[in-house]
């Protein structure tokens, strides 16, 4: 009897050991082969290379990892008995103590990091002005770098290489400051806002608490980088994080006052005939005069969503959605000078991603209580990351829960001379049995892109394919660019709502849209 009890106890202990693996075993299981370790306080191991994939387990700071593959900014690893994907920017090499005594500093915006020292090789990521990386190797006109866990090649024509970089100092532990394992930032580097308004957040996450708002033309001291986020010195001693797509880096400190000088913002050019110039920064203000497209005026300040411009006999205000600025012209000029796009990439293309609705405009509300404005933003953010990783210059019409006028959305596409404008929505109707996804176009030059996107979605989604249709939507009708409005399923159908509001659906839907865009431009004549 005692032997049976003893055997039962041993079997129970073995089962517990299998189900709940020993933490010390996980830490030492791959001690001989691990080449990475967890740099953040915690790190989620996911089923796939993206934030939308389910979490397998949570790792802790210092846990060893063995890399077995890579896709963009994500690394496939082994961690103890587990195998999955982790964000590269939250890991560090176990050989990090053996630092290269040289630092590479980017002197231009959007400097491509390539897989090989060749302009025809694939793009892994991009550096902005002031970004610093560790030099790993030099090869004629190219430098191999390690930047934020990303290893690749950059052209030496657009960087400077410091032989004796300053020793990195341990960051002070301050309340409200997020510590990140990124390269040191030049103390004179500033980040200048290039969009009308930009949310400043407590952490580098779109869901993080908003601590304030920055406006176009303001410049802030850069404290750190993390992936697509920049930590800035905001509001005297406070710090915050902003999305790096909506600004530019420089090493010249500029004024941070809300009203910017004409030297900072230079000039605006009117893009619509009959544009109103007003006495104040409001559409209710009196009209000073009406001007036609092509007129250019110096900027003397910024107020709300209006530029204050210099006239011959004084100043006036013009809405920022009916003009293009010198900053946008520079972006377009840079686009024109880029090398021709190669199949399989989106290099050189500018794509506007429009998250439908926002702010007071909730869009439709599903039977289960889903607000359309919330999931369009989540979908747009995920799509933007995929397009950017493929080399596209992505411009989002909104990156937070804010109202953006329809004509302003169209104006953004015109200002940046977008190669594609993608507006994301979720559908609704009185008949709760109707379901499926649809891609809408209005003008003949938009039809091909709509068909390609619909085809890409059909290859990834299990929903009913409703095909492409003409739709008299303002963002299509008034858009000179190739524009498509996508309805990604019906929130008015409760069973479909349950499916289309999941992270898994958003991952597949954005993958389908991305594939459709890629197929369209690969086959465009």
Protein backbone atom coordinates (compact mmCIF):
# COMPACT_ATOMS: atom_id res chain seq x y z
CA UNK A 1 0.00 0.00 0.00
CA UNK A 2 2.81 2.39 0.91
CA UNK A 3 4.55 1.65 -2.39
CA UNK A 4 1.38 2.57 -4.32
CA UNK A 5 1.10 5.84 -2.42
CA UNK A 6 4.79 6.62 -3.03
CA UNK A 7 4.42 5.86 -6.75
CA UNK A 8 1.36 8.10 -6.93
CA UNK A 9 3.27 10.97 -5.28
CA UNK A 10 6.21 10.59 -7.70
CA UNK A 11 3.89 10.55 -10.72
CA UNK A 12 2.10 13.67 -9.42
CA UNK A 13 5.42 15.54 -8.96
CA UNK A 14 6.54 14.60 -12.49
CA UNK A 15 3.25 15.84 -13.97
CA UNK A 16 3.53 19.16 -12.11
CA UNK A 17 7.10 19.56 -13.36
CA UNK A 18 5.99 19.02 -16.95
CA UNK A 19 3.00 21.36 -16.77
CA UNK A 20 4.83 24.10 -14.83
CA UNK A 21 8.44 24.12 -16.06
CA UNK A 22 11.05 25.34 -13.64
CA UNK A 23 12.02 28.97 -14.20
CA UNK A 24 15.69 28.29 -13.59
CA UNK A 25 15.54 25.65 -16.31
CA UNK A 26 14.17 28.23 -18.77
CA UNK A 27 16.98 30.59 -17.87
CA UNK A 28 19.69 28.00 -18.49
CA UNK A 29 18.17 25.71 -21.12
CA UNK A 30 19.92 27.44 -23.98
CA UNK A 31 22.86 28.85 -22.09
CA UNK A 32 25.32 27.51 -24.66
CA UNK A 33 23.48 28.78 -27.76
CA UNK A 34 21.59 31.91 -26.66
CA UNK A 35 22.63 35.07 -28.50
CA UNK A 36 19.99 37.49 -27.17
CA UNK A 37 18.42 38.41 -23.87
CA UNK A 38 15.31 40.29 -22.79
CA UNK A 39 16.09 44.00 -22.43
CA UNK A 40 12.72 45.25 -21.15
CA UNK A 41 11.11 44.59 -17.78
CA UNK A 42 8.78 42.10 -19.46
CA UNK A 43 8.57 40.74 -23.00
CA UNK A 44 5.66 38.90 -24.61
CA UNK A 45 6.51 35.83 -26.68
CA UNK A 46 3.91 35.73 -29.48
CA UNK A 47 2.70 33.18 -32.00
CA UNK A 48 3.62 35.36 -34.97
CA UNK A 49 5.63 38.47 -36.00
CA UNK A 50 3.20 41.19 -34.91
CA UNK A 51 1.50 42.77 -31.92
CA UNK A 52 -1.84 41.29 -32.93
CA UNK A 53 -0.71 37.67 -32.54
CA UNK A 54 -1.69 35.80 -29.34
CA UNK A 55 0.76 35.75 -26.42
CA UNK A 56 2.36 32.36 -25.74
CA UNK A 57 4.08 33.35 -22.50
CA UNK A 58 5.67 36.35 -20.77
CA UNK A 59 9.44 36.57 -20.34
CA UNK A 60 11.36 38.62 -17.81
CA UNK A 61 14.32 40.96 -18.04
CA UNK A 62 17.57 39.05 -18.55
CA UNK A 63 15.97 35.83 -19.82
CA UNK A 64 18.17 34.23 -22.55
CA UNK A 65 16.86 33.84 -26.08
CA UNK A 66 18.15 31.90 -29.08
CA UNK A 67 17.33 33.53 -32.42
CA UNK A 68 16.24 31.18 -35.22
CA UNK A 69 14.67 33.56 -37.73
CA UNK A 70 13.69 37.13 -38.51
CA UNK A 71 10.88 39.03 -40.23
CA UNK A 72 11.18 42.82 -40.27
CA UNK A 73 11.40 44.13 -36.70
CA UNK A 74 10.44 40.75 -35.23
CA UNK A 75 12.76 37.89 -34.25
CA UNK A 76 11.78 34.22 -34.06
CA UNK A 77 13.37 32.75 -30.93
CA UNK A 78 13.55 29.78 -28.62
CA UNK A 79 13.07 30.47 -24.91
CA UNK A 80 13.21 27.40 -22.75
CA UNK A 81 10.52 24.97 -23.92
CA UNK A 82 8.82 27.70 -25.94
CA UNK A 83 9.26 28.90 -29.50
CA UNK A 84 7.73 32.10 -30.87
CA UNK A 85 8.30 35.71 -31.93
CA UNK A 86 9.52 38.74 -29.99
CA UNK A 87 9.91 42.45 -30.80
CA UNK A 88 13.56 43.10 -31.66
CA UNK A 89 13.57 46.51 -29.97
CA UNK A 90 12.97 44.85 -26.60
CA UNK A 91 15.97 42.53 -26.87
CA UNK A 92 19.70 43.02 -26.73
CA UNK A 93 22.67 40.97 -27.85
CA UNK A 94 24.48 38.96 -25.19
CA UNK A 95 27.69 40.37 -26.66
CA UNK A 96 26.53 43.95 -26.03
CA UNK A 97 29.40 44.53 -23.61
CA UNK A 98 31.85 44.23 -26.50
CA UNK A 99 31.00 47.62 -27.99
CA UNK A 100 32.40 48.83 -31.27
CA UNK A 101 34.37 52.01 -30.69
CA UNK A 102 32.69 53.79 -33.61
CA UNK A 103 29.26 55.33 -34.02
CA UNK A 104 27.36 55.99 -37.26
CA UNK A 105 25.15 59.13 -37.30
CA UNK A 106 22.56 59.70 -40.04
CA UNK A 107 22.73 63.10 -41.72
CA UNK A 108 19.49 62.74 -43.68
CA UNK A 109 15.88 61.70 -43.08
CA UNK A 110 14.64 58.28 -44.23
CA UNK A 111 18.07 56.76 -44.83
CA UNK A 112 17.46 53.18 -45.95
CA UNK A 113 18.94 50.29 -43.97
CA UNK A 114 19.43 47.46 -46.47
CA UNK A 115 20.01 43.73 -46.23
CA UNK A 116 23.16 43.93 -48.39
CA UNK A 117 25.61 46.71 -49.41
CA UNK A 118 23.71 47.31 -52.66
CA UNK A 119 20.98 49.82 -53.63
CA UNK A 120 18.95 46.99 -55.20
CA UNK A 121 18.74 44.98 -51.98
CA UNK A 122 15.67 44.93 -49.75
CA UNK A 123 15.03 47.70 -47.20
CA UNK A 124 14.86 46.62 -43.56
CA UNK A 125 14.16 50.02 -42.03
CA UNK A 126 15.10 53.70 -42.11
CA UNK A 127 17.14 56.18 -40.08
CA UNK A 128 16.17 59.79 -39.43
CA UNK A 129 18.48 62.76 -38.98
CA UNK A 130 20.40 62.40 -35.74
CA UNK A 131 19.82 58.67 -35.31
CA UNK A 132 22.95 56.96 -34.00
CA UNK A 133 23.93 53.32 -34.53
CA UNK A 134 26.88 51.10 -33.70
CA UNK A 135 29.31 50.45 -36.56
CA UNK A 136 29.87 46.74 -37.15
CA UNK A 137 31.78 46.70 -40.43
CA UNK A 138 32.83 48.90 -43.38
CA UNK A 139 32.77 47.88 -47.02
CA UNK A 140 33.88 50.52 -49.53
CA UNK A 141 30.93 52.96 -49.77
CA UNK A 142 28.80 51.07 -47.24
CA UNK A 143 28.68 50.66 -43.47
CA UNK A 144 27.13 47.74 -41.62
CA UNK A 145 25.31 48.95 -38.50
CA UNK A 146 23.38 47.73 -35.48
CA UNK A 147 20.49 50.09 -34.79
CA UNK A 148 17.92 49.31 -32.15
CA UNK A 149 18.45 45.57 -32.66
CA UNK A 150 18.25 45.92 -36.46
CA UNK A 151 21.37 44.92 -38.41
CA UNK A 152 21.90 46.09 -41.99
CA UNK A 153 23.86 48.31 -44.41
CA UNK A 154 23.69 52.09 -45.02
CA UNK A 155 25.41 54.26 -47.58
CA UNK A 156 28.42 56.08 -46.13
CA UNK A 157 27.60 59.09 -48.32
CA UNK A 158 24.77 60.04 -45.96
CA UNK A 159 26.33 59.38 -42.55
CA UNK A 160 29.20 60.52 -40.39
CA UNK A 161 31.33 58.03 -38.46
CA UNK A 162 32.72 59.10 -35.10
CA UNK A 163 35.93 57.38 -34.02
CA UNK A 164 35.57 58.21 -30.32
CA UNK A 165 31.94 58.42 -29.27
CA UNK A 166 31.13 59.68 -25.83
CA UNK A 167 30.68 56.97 -23.23
CA UNK A 168 27.03 56.14 -22.71
CA UNK A 169 25.85 57.09 -19.25
CA UNK A 170 23.38 55.16 -17.16
CA UNK A 171 19.95 56.83 -17.38
CA UNK A 172 18.69 58.36 -14.18
CA UNK A 173 15.62 56.71 -12.75
CA UNK A 174 12.87 59.32 -12.86
CA UNK A 175 9.19 58.95 -12.31
CA UNK A 176 7.26 59.12 -15.55
CA UNK A 177 10.32 58.42 -17.71
CA UNK A 178 10.34 55.26 -19.81
CA UNK A 179 13.77 53.66 -20.08
CA UNK A 180 14.54 52.14 -23.46
CA UNK A 181 17.51 50.21 -24.78
CA UNK A 182 18.24 52.46 -27.77
CA UNK A 183 21.36 54.18 -29.09
CA UNK A 184 22.43 57.45 -27.49
CA UNK A 185 20.85 60.61 -28.85
CA UNK A 186 22.81 63.71 -29.74
CA UNK A 187 22.09 66.33 -27.08
CA UNK A 188 21.32 68.94 -29.77
CA UNK A 189 18.90 66.79 -31.77
CA UNK A 190 15.40 68.25 -32.05
CA UNK A 191 12.13 66.90 -33.40
CA UNK A 192 9.91 69.35 -35.31
CA UNK A 193 6.19 68.63 -35.71
CA UNK A 194 5.04 68.52 -39.35
CA UNK A 195 1.31 67.88 -38.83
CA UNK A 196 -1.43 70.13 -37.50
CA UNK A 197 -1.78 68.47 -34.10
CA UNK A 198 0.03 65.51 -32.59
CA UNK A 199 -0.76 63.73 -29.35
CA UNK A 200 2.02 63.47 -26.77
CA UNK A 201 1.70 60.25 -24.78
CA UNK A 202 3.06 58.96 -21.48
CA UNK A 203 4.43 55.78 -23.09
CA UNK A 204 5.37 54.76 -26.66
CA UNK A 205 1.97 53.22 -27.37
CA UNK A 206 -1.16 54.50 -29.15
CA UNK A 207 -3.22 53.27 -26.20
CA UNK A 208 -1.10 55.10 -23.61
CA UNK A 209 -2.45 58.08 -21.68
CA UNK A 210 -2.30 61.42 -23.52
CA UNK A 211 -0.28 64.01 -21.59
CA UNK A 212 -0.65 66.87 -24.06
CA UNK A 213 -0.77 68.02 -27.67
CA UNK A 214 1.94 69.45 -29.93
CA UNK A 215 1.20 71.64 -32.94
CA UNK A 216 2.78 72.14 -36.33
CA UNK A 217 6.11 73.97 -36.26
CA UNK A 218 6.90 73.27 -32.61
CA UNK A 219 10.34 71.76 -31.98
CA UNK A 220 11.37 69.68 -28.98
CA UNK A 221 14.58 68.23 -27.59
CA UNK A 222 14.89 64.50 -28.37
CA UNK A 223 15.63 62.26 -25.38
CA UNK A 224 15.31 58.74 -26.82
CA UNK A 225 13.96 56.58 -29.63
CA UNK A 226 11.97 53.38 -29.46
CA UNK A 227 10.91 51.76 -32.71
CA UNK A 228 8.60 54.33 -34.42
CA UNK A 229 8.39 56.55 -31.34
CA UNK A 230 10.41 59.52 -30.11
CA UNK A 231 10.71 60.63 -26.49
CA UNK A 232 10.75 64.43 -26.26
CA UNK A 233 11.25 67.07 -23.61
CA UNK A 234 7.70 68.36 -23.35
CA UNK A 235 6.37 71.26 -21.28
CA UNK A 236 9.49 72.23 -19.30
CA UNK A 237 10.50 69.29 -17.10
CA UNK A 238 7.90 66.81 -18.38
CA UNK A 239 8.66 64.17 -21.00
CA UNK A 240 6.42 62.40 -23.48
CA UNK A 241 6.33 60.22 -26.57
CA UNK A 242 5.23 61.11 -30.11
CA UNK A 243 4.90 59.07 -33.30
CA UNK A 244 8.02 59.66 -35.43
CA UNK A 245 6.15 59.62 -38.78
CA UNK A 246 4.75 63.08 -38.03
CA UNK A 247 7.89 65.12 -37.69
CA UNK A 248 11.47 65.59 -38.75
CA UNK A 249 14.82 65.50 -36.94
CA UNK A 250 17.52 68.15 -37.00
CA UNK A 251 20.55 69.16 -34.97
CA UNK A 252 19.59 72.83 -34.86
CA UNK A 253 17.50 73.86 -31.87
CA UNK A 254 14.40 75.79 -32.92
CA UNK A 255 11.89 77.81 -30.97
CA UNK A 256 9.21 75.80 -29.16
CA UNK A 257 6.69 78.60 -29.03
CA UNK A 258 3.28 77.91 -30.50
CA UNK A 259 3.65 80.71 -33.02
CA UNK A 260 6.54 79.81 -35.34
CA UNK A 261 8.63 82.19 -37.39
CA UNK A 262 8.43 82.35 -41.18
CA UNK A 263 11.99 80.99 -41.34
CA UNK A 264 10.84 77.78 -39.62
CA UNK A 265 7.78 77.17 -41.81
CA UNK A 266 8.68 79.35 -44.84
CA UNK A 267 5.56 79.55 -47.03
CA UNK A 268 2.20 78.13 -48.09
CA UNK A 269 0.77 77.70 -51.57
CA UNK A 270 -2.99 77.80 -52.19
CA UNK A 271 -4.30 74.60 -53.85
CA UNK A 272 -7.98 75.49 -54.45
CA UNK A 273 -9.57 78.30 -56.45
CA UNK A 274 -11.73 80.64 -54.35
CA UNK A 275 -9.92 79.93 -51.08
CA UNK A 276 -10.96 82.24 -48.23
CA UNK A 277 -8.39 84.32 -46.34
CA UNK A 278 -9.91 85.30 -42.97
CA UNK A 279 -9.41 87.79 -40.14
CA UNK A 280 -8.98 85.04 -37.54
CA UNK A 281 -8.28 81.30 -37.22
CA UNK A 282 -11.89 80.20 -37.61
CA UNK A 283 -14.24 79.35 -40.46
CA UNK A 284 -16.71 81.77 -38.83
CA UNK A 285 -14.31 84.74 -39.11
CA UNK A 286 -14.80 87.45 -41.72
CA UNK A 287 -13.30 86.89 -45.17
CA UNK A 288 -10.52 89.34 -46.07
CA UNK A 289 -10.30 88.19 -49.69
CA UNK A 290 -10.65 85.14 -51.92
CA UNK A 291 -7.63 83.86 -53.81
CA UNK A 292 -6.98 81.20 -56.46
CA UNK A 293 -4.72 78.17 -56.62
CA UNK A 294 -1.01 78.85 -57.09
CA UNK A 295 -0.75 81.94 -54.86
CA UNK A 296 2.12 81.73 -52.38
CA UNK A 297 2.41 83.60 -49.06
CA UNK A 298 5.05 83.72 -46.28
CA UNK A 299 4.00 82.09 -42.98
CA UNK A 300 4.29 84.24 -39.87
CA UNK A 301 2.60 81.95 -37.37
CA UNK A 302 0.32 79.02 -36.58
CA UNK A 303 -2.98 79.13 -34.67
CA UNK A 304 -5.21 76.10 -34.21
CA UNK A 305 -5.62 74.56 -37.68
CA UNK A 306 -4.81 77.80 -39.53
CA UNK A 307 -1.65 79.45 -40.81
CA UNK A 308 -1.20 83.17 -40.29
CA UNK A 309 0.19 84.51 -43.55
CA UNK A 310 1.75 87.80 -44.66
CA UNK A 311 -0.22 89.91 -47.16
CA UNK A 312 0.86 93.16 -48.82
CA UNK A 313 -1.32 95.18 -46.44
CA UNK A 314 -1.24 93.09 -43.26
CA UNK A 315 -1.83 89.48 -42.25
CA UNK A 316 -4.64 86.95 -42.63
CA UNK A 317 -5.44 83.35 -41.72
CA UNK A 318 -5.88 80.41 -44.07
CA UNK A 319 -7.00 76.86 -43.19
CA UNK A 320 -4.18 74.33 -43.31
CA UNK A 321 -6.26 71.86 -45.36
CA UNK A 322 -6.51 74.14 -48.40
CA UNK A 323 -2.79 74.82 -48.79
CA UNK A 324 0.47 72.99 -49.22
CA UNK A 325 3.57 73.99 -47.26
CA UNK A 326 7.23 74.15 -48.17
CA UNK A 327 7.78 71.11 -45.92
CA UNK A 328 5.34 69.09 -48.04
CA UNK A 329 7.00 70.37 -51.22
CA UNK A 330 10.35 69.17 -49.90
CA UNK A 331 8.86 65.74 -49.22
CA UNK A 332 7.45 65.58 -52.75
CA UNK A 333 10.77 66.74 -54.20
CA UNK A 334 12.59 64.03 -52.25
CA UNK A 335 10.09 61.48 -53.55
CA UNK A 336 10.75 62.51 -57.14
CA UNK A 337 14.50 62.04 -56.65
CA UNK A 338 14.22 58.53 -55.18
CA UNK A 339 15.39 55.54 -57.16
CA UNK A 340 12.75 53.69 -59.22
CA UNK A 341 10.62 51.24 -57.27
CA UNK A 342 11.48 47.58 -57.64
CA UNK A 343 8.89 44.80 -57.73
CA UNK A 344 8.15 43.28 -54.37
CA UNK A 345 8.69 46.56 -52.50
CA UNK A 346 6.84 49.84 -52.00
CA UNK A 347 9.99 51.95 -52.07
CA UNK A 348 9.39 55.47 -53.35
CA UNK A 349 5.61 55.30 -53.00
CA UNK A 350 3.62 57.64 -50.77
CA UNK A 351 0.48 56.07 -49.33
CA UNK A 352 -2.11 57.92 -47.25
CA UNK A 353 -3.90 55.67 -44.75
CA UNK A 354 -7.21 57.15 -43.63
CA UNK A 355 -8.82 55.84 -40.43
CA UNK A 356 -12.51 56.58 -40.97
CA UNK A 357 -14.44 58.82 -38.54
CA UNK A 358 -12.95 59.94 -35.19
CA UNK A 359 -13.67 62.38 -32.36
CA UNK A 360 -17.34 63.38 -32.27
CA UNK A 361 -17.94 61.28 -35.39
CA UNK A 362 -18.31 57.75 -33.99
CA UNK A 363 -19.30 56.21 -37.31
CA UNK A 364 -21.64 53.28 -36.93
CA UNK A 365 -22.11 51.41 -33.64
CA UNK A 366 -22.38 47.64 -33.79
CA UNK A 367 -25.03 45.49 -32.17
CA UNK A 368 -22.45 44.50 -29.56
CA UNK A 369 -21.54 48.14 -28.87
CA UNK A 370 -18.45 48.52 -31.08
CA UNK A 371 -17.71 52.10 -32.22
CA UNK A 372 -16.49 52.13 -35.82
CA UNK A 373 -14.04 54.99 -35.14
CA UNK A 374 -12.09 52.86 -32.65
CA UNK A 375 -11.46 49.82 -34.82
CA UNK A 376 -10.74 51.85 -37.96
CA UNK A 377 -7.86 53.50 -36.07
CA UNK A 378 -6.51 50.15 -34.85
CA UNK A 379 -6.74 48.76 -38.38
CA UNK A 380 -5.12 51.84 -39.94
CA UNK A 381 -2.21 51.76 -37.51
CA UNK A 382 -1.53 48.10 -38.26
CA UNK A 383 -1.77 48.68 -42.02
CA UNK A 384 0.58 51.66 -41.81
CA UNK A 385 3.24 49.55 -40.07
CA UNK A 386 3.07 46.90 -42.82
CA UNK A 387 3.30 49.46 -45.63
CA UNK A 388 6.16 51.31 -43.93
CA UNK A 389 8.09 48.08 -43.42
CA UNK A 390 7.80 47.47 -47.18
CA UNK A 391 9.46 50.84 -47.87
CA UNK A 392 6.46 53.12 -48.40
CA UNK A 393 6.30 56.67 -47.10
CA UNK A 394 3.12 56.42 -45.03
CA UNK A 395 1.00 59.41 -44.03
CA UNK A 396 -1.93 58.86 -41.65
CA UNK A 397 -4.84 61.32 -41.69
CA UNK A 398 -5.25 60.77 -37.94
CA UNK A 399 -3.28 58.82 -35.34
CA UNK A 400 -5.61 59.38 -32.39
CA UNK A 401 -9.30 59.79 -31.57
CA UNK A 402 -9.80 63.18 -33.22
CA UNK A 403 -12.18 64.59 -35.78
CA UNK A 404 -10.68 65.32 -39.21
CA UNK A 405 -12.85 66.98 -41.86
CA UNK A 406 -13.39 64.93 -45.03
CA UNK A 407 -12.01 67.65 -47.29
CA UNK A 408 -8.92 67.88 -45.13
CA UNK A 409 -8.35 64.14 -45.59
CA UNK A 410 -8.51 64.60 -49.35
CA UNK A 411 -6.24 67.63 -49.10
CA UNK A 412 -3.57 65.53 -47.38
CA UNK A 413 -3.56 63.17 -50.37
CA UNK A 414 -3.17 66.12 -52.74
CA UNK A 415 -0.46 67.83 -50.66
CA UNK A 416 1.73 64.74 -50.60
CA UNK A 417 0.86 63.74 -54.17
CA UNK A 418 -0.04 60.32 -52.80
CA UNK A 419 0.32 57.28 -55.04
CA UNK A 420 -2.60 55.72 -53.15
CA UNK A 421 -5.22 56.85 -50.63
CA UNK A 422 -6.80 54.05 -48.59
CA UNK A 423 -9.83 54.90 -46.42
CA UNK A 424 -10.77 52.21 -43.89
CA UNK A 425 -14.32 51.67 -42.64
CA UNK A 426 -16.69 49.05 -41.22
CA UNK A 427 -20.18 48.78 -42.71
CA UNK A 428 -23.76 48.84 -41.36
CA UNK A 429 -27.30 48.48 -42.70
CA UNK A 430 -30.85 48.07 -41.37
CA UNK A 431 -30.87 44.42 -42.52
CA UNK A 432 -28.83 42.58 -39.89
CA UNK A 433 -28.45 39.52 -42.14
CA UNK A 434 -26.24 41.32 -44.71
CA UNK A 435 -22.52 40.61 -44.42
CA UNK A 436 -19.21 40.75 -46.29
CA UNK A 437 -16.47 43.18 -47.34
CA UNK A 438 -16.46 45.67 -50.23
CA UNK A 439 -13.93 47.95 -51.96
CA UNK A 440 -15.35 51.20 -53.39
CA UNK A 441 -14.02 53.50 -56.09
CA UNK A 442 -15.49 56.52 -57.85
CA UNK A 443 -13.31 57.54 -60.78
CA UNK A 444 -11.95 55.27 -63.52
CA UNK A 445 -8.33 55.76 -62.39
CA UNK A 446 -9.29 54.28 -59.00
CA UNK A 447 -10.94 51.08 -60.24
CA UNK A 448 -7.77 49.03 -60.77
CA UNK A 449 -6.49 49.69 -57.27
CA UNK A 450 -9.89 48.82 -55.78
CA UNK A 451 -9.96 45.51 -57.64
CA UNK A 452 -6.42 44.66 -56.52
CA UNK A 453 -7.22 45.42 -52.88
CA UNK A 454 -10.46 43.42 -53.05
CA UNK A 455 -8.51 40.50 -54.48
CA UNK A 456 -5.92 40.73 -51.72
CA UNK A 457 -8.64 40.74 -49.07
CA UNK A 458 -10.42 37.79 -50.68
CA UNK A 459 -7.23 35.74 -50.41
CA UNK A 460 -6.96 36.36 -46.66
CA UNK A 461 -10.53 36.63 -45.31
CA UNK A 462 -13.26 34.04 -44.87
CA UNK A 463 -16.06 36.63 -45.11
CA UNK A 464 -18.37 37.02 -48.09
CA UNK A 465 -16.67 38.79 -51.02
CA UNK A 466 -19.07 41.54 -52.14
CA UNK A 467 -16.71 42.68 -54.90
CA UNK A 468 -15.84 46.22 -56.01
CA UNK A 469 -18.48 48.90 -56.48
CA UNK A 470 -18.69 52.55 -57.42
CA UNK A 471 -19.36 54.69 -54.36
CA UNK A 472 -20.18 58.40 -54.34
CA UNK A 473 -18.11 59.17 -51.24
CA UNK A 474 -16.49 62.60 -50.88
CA UNK A 475 -13.02 61.16 -50.14
CA UNK A 476 -13.25 59.37 -53.51
CA UNK A 477 -15.24 61.89 -55.54
CA UNK A 478 -13.04 64.89 -54.69
CA UNK A 479 -9.77 62.95 -54.77
CA UNK A 480 -7.44 63.43 -57.72
CA UNK A 481 -5.25 60.56 -56.48
CA UNK A 482 -5.90 56.84 -56.76
CA UNK A 483 -8.28 56.37 -53.85
CA UNK A 484 -10.19 53.40 -52.47
CA UNK A 485 -12.68 53.18 -49.59
CA UNK A 486 -12.74 49.72 -47.99
CA UNK A 487 -15.67 48.45 -45.91
CA UNK A 488 -14.27 45.55 -43.86
CA UNK A 489 -17.48 43.77 -42.87
CA UNK A 490 -20.80 44.67 -41.22
CA UNK A 491 -21.02 45.76 -37.58
CA UNK A 492 -24.80 45.56 -37.95
CA UNK A 493 -24.48 41.78 -38.24
CA UNK A 494 -23.85 40.54 -34.68
CA UNK A 495 -22.09 37.31 -35.69
CA UNK A 496 -19.86 39.16 -38.18
CA UNK A 497 -19.18 41.87 -35.60
CA UNK A 498 -17.82 39.19 -33.27
CA UNK A 499 -15.31 38.18 -35.96
CA UNK A 500 -14.24 41.52 -37.41
CA UNK A 501 -13.47 43.15 -34.06
CA UNK A 502 -10.69 40.64 -33.22
CA UNK A 503 -6.97 41.27 -33.49
CA UNK A 504 -6.63 38.19 -35.68
CA UNK A 505 -9.08 39.63 -38.22
CA UNK A 506 -7.26 42.97 -38.33
CA UNK A 507 -3.98 41.16 -38.94
CA UNK A 508 -5.43 39.21 -41.87
CA UNK A 509 -7.34 42.18 -43.30
CA UNK A 510 -4.31 44.50 -43.28
CA UNK A 511 -2.19 41.73 -44.78
CA UNK A 512 -4.74 41.39 -47.57
CA UNK A 513 -4.84 45.14 -48.26
CA UNK A 514 -1.03 45.28 -48.21
CA UNK A 515 -0.84 42.37 -50.66
CA UNK A 516 -3.40 44.00 -52.93
CA UNK A 517 -1.47 47.30 -53.01
CA UNK A 518 1.76 45.45 -53.72
CA UNK A 519 0.17 43.42 -56.53
CA UNK A 520 -1.33 46.55 -58.08
CA UNK A 521 1.94 48.47 -58.27
CA UNK A 522 3.90 45.39 -59.36
CA UNK A 523 1.61 45.00 -62.38
CA UNK A 524 0.93 48.68 -63.09
CA UNK A 525 1.93 49.64 -66.60
